[in-house]
């Protein structure tokens, strides 16, 4: 689930909440110009359809991602940086 999102000068920074035990989460969106995505801790893969502008970003969080306290340590937050190419 997307827990938060910040708009920056170069794109958007969504914070994605991942349940403990969940191996990955996929976010789908639209970009007219394509995207690049980065993740500080873990791995990330992207795919895009240049014809439709739809993209997917699959996030696989690292082991040391912070936990959200108010969900009884059931969620981990990872911040992804999405930028236009």
PDB file of N, CA and C in Angstrom:
ATOM      1  N   UNK A   1       0.843  -1.162   0.000  1.00  0.00           N
ATOM      2  CA  UNK A   1       0.000   0.000   0.000  1.00  0.00           C
ATOM      3  C   UNK A   1       0.892   1.230   0.000  1.00  0.00           C
ATOM      4  N   UNK A   2       0.444   2.298  -0.622  1.00  0.00           N
ATOM      5  CA  UNK A   2       1.186   3.545  -0.607  1.00  0.00           C
ATOM      6  C   UNK A   2       0.763   4.316   0.643  1.00  0.00           C
ATOM      7  N   UNK A   3       1.709   4.479   1.570  1.00  0.00           N
ATOM      8  CA  UNK A   3       1.420   5.112   2.850  1.00  0.00           C
ATOM      9  C   UNK A   3       1.529   6.627   2.775  1.00  0.00           C
ATOM     10  N   UNK A   4       2.379   7.125   1.851  1.00  0.00           N
ATOM     11  CA  UNK A   4       2.603   8.561   1.745  1.00  0.00           C
ATOM     12  C   UNK A   4       3.236   8.822   0.384  1.00  0.00           C
ATOM     13  N   UNK A   5       3.157  10.041  -0.083  1.00  0.00           N
ATOM     14  CA  UNK A   5       3.817  10.422  -1.333  1.00  0.00           C
ATOM     15  C   UNK A   5       4.187  11.891  -1.253  1.00  0.00           C
ATOM     16  N   UNK A   6       5.383  12.203  -1.715  1.00  0.00           N
ATOM     17  CA  UNK A   6       5.853  13.583  -1.752  1.00  0.00           C
ATOM     18  C   UNK A   6       6.228  13.930  -3.178  1.00  0.00           C
ATOM     19  N   UNK A   7       5.816  15.097  -3.618  1.00  0.00           N
ATOM     20  CA  UNK A   7       6.191  15.578  -4.944  1.00  0.00           C
ATOM     21  C   UNK A   7       7.491  16.359  -4.797  1.00  0.00           C
ATOM     22  N   UNK A   8       8.476  16.029  -5.649  1.00  0.00           N
ATOM     23  CA  UNK A   8       9.759  16.715  -5.631  1.00  0.00           C
ATOM     24  C   UNK A   8       9.959  17.435  -6.962  1.00  0.00           C
ATOM     25  N   UNK A   9      11.044  18.161  -7.091  1.00  0.00           N
ATOM     26  CA  UNK A   9      11.339  18.875  -8.337  1.00  0.00           C
ATOM     27  C   UNK A   9      11.568  17.918  -9.499  1.00  0.00           C
ATOM     28  N   UNK A  10      11.994  16.687  -9.209  1.00  0.00           N
ATOM     29  CA  UNK A  10      12.313  15.736 -10.276  1.00  0.00           C
ATOM     30  C   UNK A  10      11.299  14.612 -10.421  1.00  0.00           C
ATOM     31  N   UNK A  11      10.301  14.548  -9.569  1.00  0.00           N
ATOM     32  CA  UNK A  11       9.325  13.461  -9.682  1.00  0.00           C
ATOM     33  C   UNK A  11       8.500  13.300  -8.427  1.00  0.00           C
ATOM     34  N   UNK A  12       8.302  12.067  -8.022  1.00  0.00           N
ATOM     35  CA  UNK A  12       7.478  11.746  -6.859  1.00  0.00           C
ATOM     36  C   UNK A  12       8.217  10.719  -6.004  1.00  0.00           C
ATOM     37  N   UNK A  13       8.063  10.820  -4.677  1.00  0.00           N
ATOM     38  CA  UNK A  13       8.672   9.887  -3.741  1.00  0.00           C
ATOM     39  C   UNK A  13       7.576   9.216  -2.927  1.00  0.00           C
ATOM     40  N   UNK A  14       7.064   8.067  -3.385  1.00  0.00           N
ATOM     41  CA  UNK A  14       6.061   7.369  -2.570  1.00  0.00           C
ATOM     42  C   UNK A  14       6.732   6.528  -1.487  1.00  0.00           C
ATOM     43  N   UNK A  15       6.103   6.479  -0.331  1.00  0.00           N
ATOM     44  CA  UNK A  15       6.516   5.554   0.716  1.00  0.00           C
ATOM     45  C   UNK A  15       5.551   4.386   0.659  1.00  0.00           C
ATOM     46  N   UNK A  16       6.106   3.190   0.454  1.00  0.00           N
ATOM     47  CA  UNK A  16       5.308   1.983   0.273  1.00  0.00           C
ATOM     48  C   UNK A  16       5.385   1.154   1.542  1.00  0.00           C
ATOM     49  N   UNK A  17       4.240   0.772   2.099  1.00  0.00           N
ATOM     50  CA  UNK A  17       4.210  -0.105   3.270  1.00  0.00           C
ATOM     51  C   UNK A  17       4.087  -1.544   2.801  1.00  0.00           C
ATOM     52  N   UNK A  18       4.973  -2.384   3.322  1.00  0.00           N
ATOM     53  CA  UNK A  18       5.029  -3.792   2.960  1.00  0.00           C
ATOM     54  C   UNK A  18       4.826  -4.604   4.228  1.00  0.00           C
ATOM     55  N   UNK A  19       3.909  -5.556   4.215  1.00  0.00           N
ATOM     56  CA  UNK A  19       3.656  -6.393   5.394  1.00  0.00           C
ATOM     57  C   UNK A  19       4.842  -7.297   5.656  1.00  0.00           C
ATOM     58  N   UNK A  20       5.135  -7.528   6.932  1.00  0.00           N
ATOM     59  CA  UNK A  20       6.196  -8.480   7.271  1.00  0.00           C
ATOM     60  C   UNK A  20       5.869  -9.823   6.635  1.00  0.00           C
ATOM     61  N   UNK A  21       6.852 -10.435   6.035  1.00  0.00           N
ATOM     62  CA  UNK A  21       6.658 -11.706   5.368  1.00  0.00           C
ATOM     63  C   UNK A  21       6.314 -11.554   3.897  1.00  0.00           C
ATOM     64  N   UNK A  22       5.877 -10.368   3.499  1.00  0.00           N
ATOM     65  CA  UNK A  22       5.561 -10.115   2.095  1.00  0.00           C
ATOM     66  C   UNK A  22       6.875  -9.920   1.345  1.00  0.00           C
ATOM     67  N   UNK A  23       7.073 -10.658   0.271  1.00  0.00           N
ATOM     68  CA  UNK A  23       8.339 -10.639  -0.458  1.00  0.00           C
ATOM     69  C   UNK A  23       8.484  -9.427  -1.371  1.00  0.00           C
ATOM     70  N   UNK A  24       7.380  -8.975  -1.953  1.00  0.00           N
ATOM     71  CA  UNK A  24       7.445  -7.838  -2.859  1.00  0.00           C
ATOM     72  C   UNK A  24       6.075  -7.189  -2.970  1.00  0.00           C
ATOM     73  N   UNK A  25       6.069  -5.988  -3.521  1.00  0.00           N
ATOM     74  CA  UNK A  25       4.833  -5.279  -3.805  1.00  0.00           C
ATOM     75  C   UNK A  25       5.023  -4.569  -5.141  1.00  0.00           C
ATOM     76  N   UNK A  26       3.975  -4.541  -5.960  1.00  0.00           N
ATOM     77  CA  UNK A  26       4.052  -3.914  -7.272  1.00  0.00           C
ATOM     78  C   UNK A  26       3.133  -2.702  -7.315  1.00  0.00           C
ATOM     79  N   UNK A  27       3.686  -1.592  -7.771  1.00  0.00           N
ATOM     80  CA  UNK A  27       2.951  -0.347  -7.932  1.00  0.00           C
ATOM     81  C   UNK A  27       2.818  -0.098  -9.432  1.00  0.00           C
ATOM     82  N   UNK A  28       1.626   0.263  -9.874  1.00  0.00           N
ATOM     83  CA  UNK A  28       1.380   0.555 -11.283  1.00  0.00           C
ATOM     84  C   UNK A  28       1.006   2.024 -11.427  1.00  0.00           C
ATOM     85  N   UNK A  29       1.464   2.653 -12.504  1.00  0.00           N
ATOM     86  CA  UNK A  29       1.145   4.056 -12.717  1.00  0.00           C
ATOM     87  C   UNK A  29       1.234   4.429 -14.180  1.00  0.00           C
ATOM     88  N   UNK A  30       1.168   5.720 -14.447  1.00  0.00           N
ATOM     89  CA  UNK A  30       1.214   6.250 -15.802  1.00  0.00           C
ATOM     90  C   UNK A  30       2.247   7.365 -15.861  1.00  0.00           C
ATOM     91  N   UNK A  31       3.063   7.357 -16.907  1.00  0.00           N
ATOM     92  CA  UNK A  31       4.002   8.440 -17.150  1.00  0.00           C
ATOM     93  C   UNK A  31       4.129   8.649 -18.650  1.00  0.00           C
ATOM     94  N   UNK A  32       3.923   9.851 -19.077  1.00  0.00           N
ATOM     95  CA  UNK A  32       4.011  10.185 -20.501  1.00  0.00           C
ATOM     96  C   UNK A  32       5.445  10.036 -21.023  1.00  0.00           C
ATOM     97  N   UNK A  33       6.439  10.232 -20.152  1.00  0.00           N
ATOM     98  CA  UNK A  33       7.838  10.255 -20.580  1.00  0.00           C
ATOM     99  C   UNK A  33       8.663   9.081 -20.080  1.00  0.00           C
ATOM    100  N   UNK A  34       8.075   8.077 -19.505  1.00  0.00           N
ATOM    101  CA  UNK A  34       8.845   6.978 -18.927  1.00  0.00           C
ATOM    102  C   UNK A  34       9.344   7.351 -17.544  1.00  0.00           C
ATOM    103  N   UNK A  35       9.871   6.375 -16.828  1.00  0.00           N
ATOM    104  CA  UNK A  35      10.315   6.626 -15.456  1.00  0.00           C
ATOM    105  C   UNK A  35      11.655   5.954 -15.197  1.00  0.00           C
ATOM    106  N   UNK A  36      12.293   6.419 -14.137  1.00  0.00           N
ATOM    107  CA  UNK A  36      13.387   5.683 -13.537  1.00  0.00           C
ATOM    108  C   UNK A  36      13.030   5.578 -12.061  1.00  0.00           C
ATOM    109  N   UNK A  37      13.455   4.510 -11.411  1.00  0.00           N
ATOM    110  CA  UNK A  37      13.089   4.289 -10.010  1.00  0.00           C
ATOM    111  C   UNK A  37      14.317   3.851  -9.230  1.00  0.00           C
ATOM    112  N   UNK A  38      14.449   4.334  -8.009  1.00  0.00           N
ATOM    113  CA  UNK A  38      15.545   3.932  -7.135  1.00  0.00           C
ATOM    114  C   UNK A  38      14.990   3.597  -5.756  1.00  0.00           C
ATOM    115  N   UNK A  39      15.705   2.732  -5.063  1.00  0.00           N
ATOM    116  CA  UNK A  39      15.336   2.290  -3.720  1.00  0.00           C
ATOM    117  C   UNK A  39      16.619   2.179  -2.922  1.00  0.00           C
ATOM    118  N   UNK A  40      16.638   2.741  -1.711  1.00  0.00           N
ATOM    119  CA  UNK A  40      17.860   2.748  -0.911  1.00  0.00           C
ATOM    120  C   UNK A  40      18.215   1.365  -0.362  1.00  0.00           C
ATOM    121  N   UNK A  41      17.246   0.639   0.160  1.00  0.00           N
ATOM    122  CA  UNK A  41      17.537  -0.642   0.809  1.00  0.00           C
ATOM    123  C   UNK A  41      16.623  -1.718   0.239  1.00  0.00           C
ATOM    124  N   UNK A  42      17.157  -2.596  -0.564  1.00  0.00           N
ATOM    125  CA  UNK A  42      16.379  -3.652  -1.199  1.00  0.00           C
ATOM    126  C   UNK A  42      16.652  -3.664  -2.689  1.00  0.00           C
ATOM    127  N   UNK A  43      15.743  -4.246  -3.444  1.00  0.00           N
ATOM    128  CA  UNK A  43      15.904  -4.256  -4.898  1.00  0.00           C
ATOM    129  C   UNK A  43      14.612  -3.791  -5.553  1.00  0.00           C
ATOM    130  N   UNK A  44      14.743  -3.343  -6.772  1.00  0.00           N
ATOM    131  CA  UNK A  44      13.615  -2.772  -7.478  1.00  0.00           C
ATOM    132  C   UNK A  44      13.730  -3.131  -8.954  1.00  0.00           C
ATOM    133  N   UNK A  45      12.603  -3.401  -9.579  1.00  0.00           N
ATOM    134  CA  UNK A  45      12.600  -3.629 -11.026  1.00  0.00           C
ATOM    135  C   UNK A  45      11.434  -2.856 -11.625  1.00  0.00           C
ATOM    136  N   UNK A  46      11.618  -2.414 -12.863  1.00  0.00           N
ATOM    137  CA  UNK A  46      10.584  -1.628 -13.525  1.00  0.00           C
ATOM    138  C   UNK A  46      10.298  -2.198 -14.903  1.00  0.00           C
ATOM    139  N   UNK A  47       9.110  -1.936 -15.376  1.00  0.00           N
ATOM    140  CA  UNK A  47       8.761  -2.221 -16.768  1.00  0.00           C
ATOM    141  C   UNK A  47       7.813  -1.126 -17.212  1.00  0.00           C
ATOM    142  N   UNK A  48       7.829  -0.836 -18.512  1.00  0.00           N
ATOM    143  CA  UNK A  48       6.976   0.228 -19.029  1.00  0.00           C
ATOM    144  C   UNK A  48       6.514  -0.121 -20.431  1.00  0.00           C
ATOM    145  N   UNK A  49       5.322   0.342 -20.754  1.00  0.00           N
ATOM    146  CA  UNK A  49       4.763   0.190 -22.086  1.00  0.00           C
ATOM    147  C   UNK A  49       4.775   1.570 -22.732  1.00  0.00           C
ATOM    148  N   UNK A  50       5.705   1.786 -23.663  1.00  0.00           N
ATOM    149  CA  UNK A  50       5.846   3.079 -24.306  1.00  0.00           C
ATOM    150  C   UNK A  50       4.613   3.503 -25.087  1.00  0.00           C
ATOM    151  N   UNK A  51       3.820   2.556 -25.516  1.00  0.00           N
ATOM    152  CA  UNK A  51       2.608   2.862 -26.288  1.00  0.00           C
ATOM    153  C   UNK A  51       1.512   3.443 -25.393  1.00  0.00           C
ATOM    154  N   UNK A  52       1.293   2.855 -24.228  1.00  0.00           N
ATOM    155  CA  UNK A  52       0.206   3.290 -23.344  1.00  0.00           C
ATOM    156  C   UNK A  52       0.670   4.233 -22.238  1.00  0.00           C
ATOM    157  N   UNK A  53       1.964   4.234 -21.913  1.00  0.00           N
ATOM    158  CA  UNK A  53       2.477   5.048 -20.810  1.00  0.00           C
ATOM    159  C   UNK A  53       2.351   4.383 -19.451  1.00  0.00           C
ATOM    160  N   UNK A  54       1.773   3.172 -19.403  1.00  0.00           N
ATOM    161  CA  UNK A  54       1.637   2.471 -18.120  1.00  0.00           C
ATOM    162  C   UNK A  54       2.979   1.851 -17.721  1.00  0.00           C
ATOM    163  N   UNK A  55       3.278   1.914 -16.423  1.00  0.00           N
ATOM    164  CA  UNK A  55       4.504   1.307 -15.917  1.00  0.00           C
ATOM    165  C   UNK A  55       4.201   0.512 -14.655  1.00  0.00           C
ATOM    166  N   UNK A  56       5.085  -0.410 -14.331  1.00  0.00           N
ATOM    167  CA  UNK A  56       5.033  -1.115 -13.051  1.00  0.00           C
ATOM    168  C   UNK A  56       6.395  -1.007 -12.383  1.00  0.00           C
ATOM    169  N   UNK A  57       6.364  -0.911 -11.079  1.00  0.00           N
ATOM    170  CA  UNK A  57       7.573  -0.903 -10.254  1.00  0.00           C
ATOM    171  C   UNK A  57       7.371  -1.977  -9.205  1.00  0.00           C
ATOM    172  N   UNK A  58       8.236  -2.983  -9.195  1.00  0.00           N
ATOM    173  CA  UNK A  58       8.167  -4.043  -8.195  1.00  0.00           C
ATOM    174  C   UNK A  58       9.261  -3.791  -7.166  1.00  0.00           C
ATOM    175  N   UNK A  59       8.849  -3.664  -5.912  1.00  0.00           N
ATOM    176  CA  UNK A  59       9.746  -3.351  -4.798  1.00  0.00           C
ATOM    177  C   UNK A  59       9.935  -4.603  -3.957  1.00  0.00           C
ATOM    178  N   UNK A  60      11.182  -4.969  -3.724  1.00  0.00           N
ATOM    179  CA  UNK A  60      11.533  -6.063  -2.820  1.00  0.00           C
ATOM    180  C   UNK A  60      12.368  -5.455  -1.694  1.00  0.00           C
ATOM    181  N   UNK A  61      11.747  -5.185  -0.549  1.00  0.00           N
ATOM    182  CA  UNK A  61      12.456  -4.463   0.510  1.00  0.00           C
ATOM    183  C   UNK A  61      13.594  -5.270   1.096  1.00  0.00           C
ATOM    184  N   UNK A  62      14.621  -4.541   1.549  1.00  0.00           N
ATOM    185  CA  UNK A  62      15.740  -5.169   2.232  1.00  0.00           C
ATOM    186  C   UNK A  62      15.353  -5.609   3.633  1.00  0.00           C
ATOM    187  N   UNK A  63      16.225  -6.323   4.265  1.00  0.00           N
ATOM    188  CA  UNK A  63      15.959  -6.877   5.599  1.00  0.00           C
ATOM    189  C   UNK A  63      15.859  -5.789   6.653  1.00  0.00           C
ATOM    190  N   UNK A  64      16.591  -4.708   6.504  1.00  0.00           N
ATOM    191  CA  UNK A  64      16.689  -3.712   7.559  1.00  0.00           C
ATOM    192  C   UNK A  64      15.771  -2.507   7.370  1.00  0.00           C
ATOM    193  N   UNK A  65      14.671  -2.653   6.645  1.00  0.00           N
ATOM    194  CA  UNK A  65      13.764  -1.516   6.474  1.00  0.00           C
ATOM    195  C   UNK A  65      13.040  -1.218   7.783  1.00  0.00           C
ATOM    196  N   UNK A  66      12.800   0.079   8.071  1.00  0.00           N
ATOM    197  CA  UNK A  66      12.150   0.429   9.339  1.00  0.00           C
ATOM    198  C   UNK A  66      10.721  -0.102   9.433  1.00  0.00           C
ATOM    199  N   UNK A  67      10.301  -0.347  10.649  1.00  0.00           N
ATOM    200  CA  UNK A  67       8.944  -0.849  10.885  1.00  0.00           C
ATOM    201  C   UNK A  67       8.046   0.286  11.347  1.00  0.00           C
ATOM    202  N   UNK A  68       6.787   0.213  10.995  1.00  0.00           N
ATOM    203  CA  UNK A  68       5.799   1.202  11.437  1.00  0.00           C
ATOM    204  C   UNK A  68       5.258   0.749  12.788  1.00  0.00           C
ATOM    205  N   UNK A  69       5.395   1.579  13.796  1.00  0.00           N
ATOM    206  CA  UNK A  69       5.035   1.200  15.166  1.00  0.00           C
ATOM    207  C   UNK A  69       3.529   1.054  15.368  1.00  0.00           C
ATOM    208  N   UNK A  70       2.712   1.893  14.746  1.00  0.00           N
ATOM    209  CA  UNK A  70       1.286   1.882  15.039  1.00  0.00           C
ATOM    210  C   UNK A  70       0.539   0.723  14.396  1.00  0.00           C
ATOM    211  N   UNK A  71       1.181  -0.133  13.671  1.00  0.00           N
ATOM    212  CA  UNK A  71       0.548  -1.338  13.139  1.00  0.00           C
ATOM    213  C   UNK A  71       1.126  -2.585  13.811  1.00  0.00           C
ATOM    214  N   UNK A  72       1.559  -2.432  15.037  1.00  0.00           N
ATOM    215  CA  UNK A  72       2.088  -3.536  15.836  1.00  0.00           C
ATOM    216  C   UNK A  72       3.223  -4.261  15.114  1.00  0.00           C
ATOM    217  N   UNK A  73       4.073  -3.480  14.467  1.00  0.00           N
ATOM    218  CA  UNK A  73       5.251  -4.007  13.769  1.00  0.00           C
ATOM    219  C   UNK A  73       4.888  -5.000  12.677  1.00  0.00           C
ATOM    220  N   UNK A  74       3.735  -4.798  12.052  1.00  0.00           N
ATOM    221  CA  UNK A  74       3.319  -5.686  10.969  1.00  0.00           C
ATOM    222  C   UNK A  74       3.711  -5.142   9.603  1.00  0.00           C
ATOM    223  N   UNK A  75       4.087  -3.864   9.541  1.00  0.00           N
ATOM    224  CA  UNK A  75       4.420  -3.253   8.263  1.00  0.00           C
ATOM    225  C   UNK A  75       5.836  -2.702   8.278  1.00  0.00           C
ATOM    226  N   UNK A  76       6.457  -2.707   7.112  1.00  0.00           N
ATOM    227  CA  UNK A  76       7.754  -2.054   6.931  1.00  0.00           C
ATOM    228  C   UNK A  76       7.568  -1.000   5.849  1.00  0.00           C
ATOM    229  N   UNK A  77       8.186   0.161   6.026  1.00  0.00           N
ATOM    230  CA  UNK A  77       8.093   1.236   5.036  1.00  0.00           C
ATOM    231  C   UNK A  77       9.368   1.316   4.219  1.00  0.00           C
ATOM    232  N   UNK A  78       9.215   1.449   2.918  1.00  0.00           N
ATOM    233  CA  UNK A  78      10.332   1.706   2.037  1.00  0.00           C
ATOM    234  C   UNK A  78       9.960   2.905   1.171  1.00  0.00           C
ATOM    235  N   UNK A  79      10.918   3.778   0.921  1.00  0.00           N
ATOM    236  CA  UNK A  79      10.675   4.951   0.098  1.00  0.00           C
ATOM    237  C   UNK A  79      11.306   4.735  -1.268  1.00  0.00           C
ATOM    238  N   UNK A  80      10.526   4.919  -2.300  1.00  0.00           N
ATOM    239  CA  UNK A  80      10.951   4.753  -3.684  1.00  0.00           C
ATOM    240  C   UNK A  80      11.008   6.133  -4.311  1.00  0.00           C
ATOM    241  N   UNK A  81      12.014   6.412  -5.100  1.00  0.00           N
ATOM    242  CA  UNK A  81      12.086   7.672  -5.819  1.00  0.00           C
ATOM    243  C   UNK A  81      11.777   7.409  -7.288  1.00  0.00           C
ATOM    244  N   UNK A  82      10.703   7.982  -7.800  1.00  0.00           N
ATOM    245  CA  UNK A  82      10.308   7.854  -9.209  1.00  0.00           C
ATOM    246  C   UNK A  82      10.586   9.183  -9.905  1.00  0.00           C
ATOM    247  N   UNK A  83      11.333   9.138 -10.990  1.00  0.00           N
ATOM    248  CA  UNK A  83      11.675  10.341 -11.735  1.00  0.00           C
ATOM    249  C   UNK A  83      11.385  10.149 -13.208  1.00  0.00           C
ATOM    250  N   UNK A  84      11.085  11.253 -13.890  1.00  0.00           N
ATOM    251  CA  UNK A  84      10.920  11.196 -15.349  1.00  0.00           C
ATOM    252  C   UNK A  84      12.282  11.014 -15.991  1.00  0.00           C
ATOM    253  N   UNK A  85      12.280  10.318 -17.112  1.00  0.00           N
ATOM    254  CA  UNK A  85      13.540  10.184 -17.845  1.00  0.00           C
ATOM    255  C   UNK A  85      13.733  11.337 -18.758  1.00  0.00           C
TER     256      UNK A  85
END
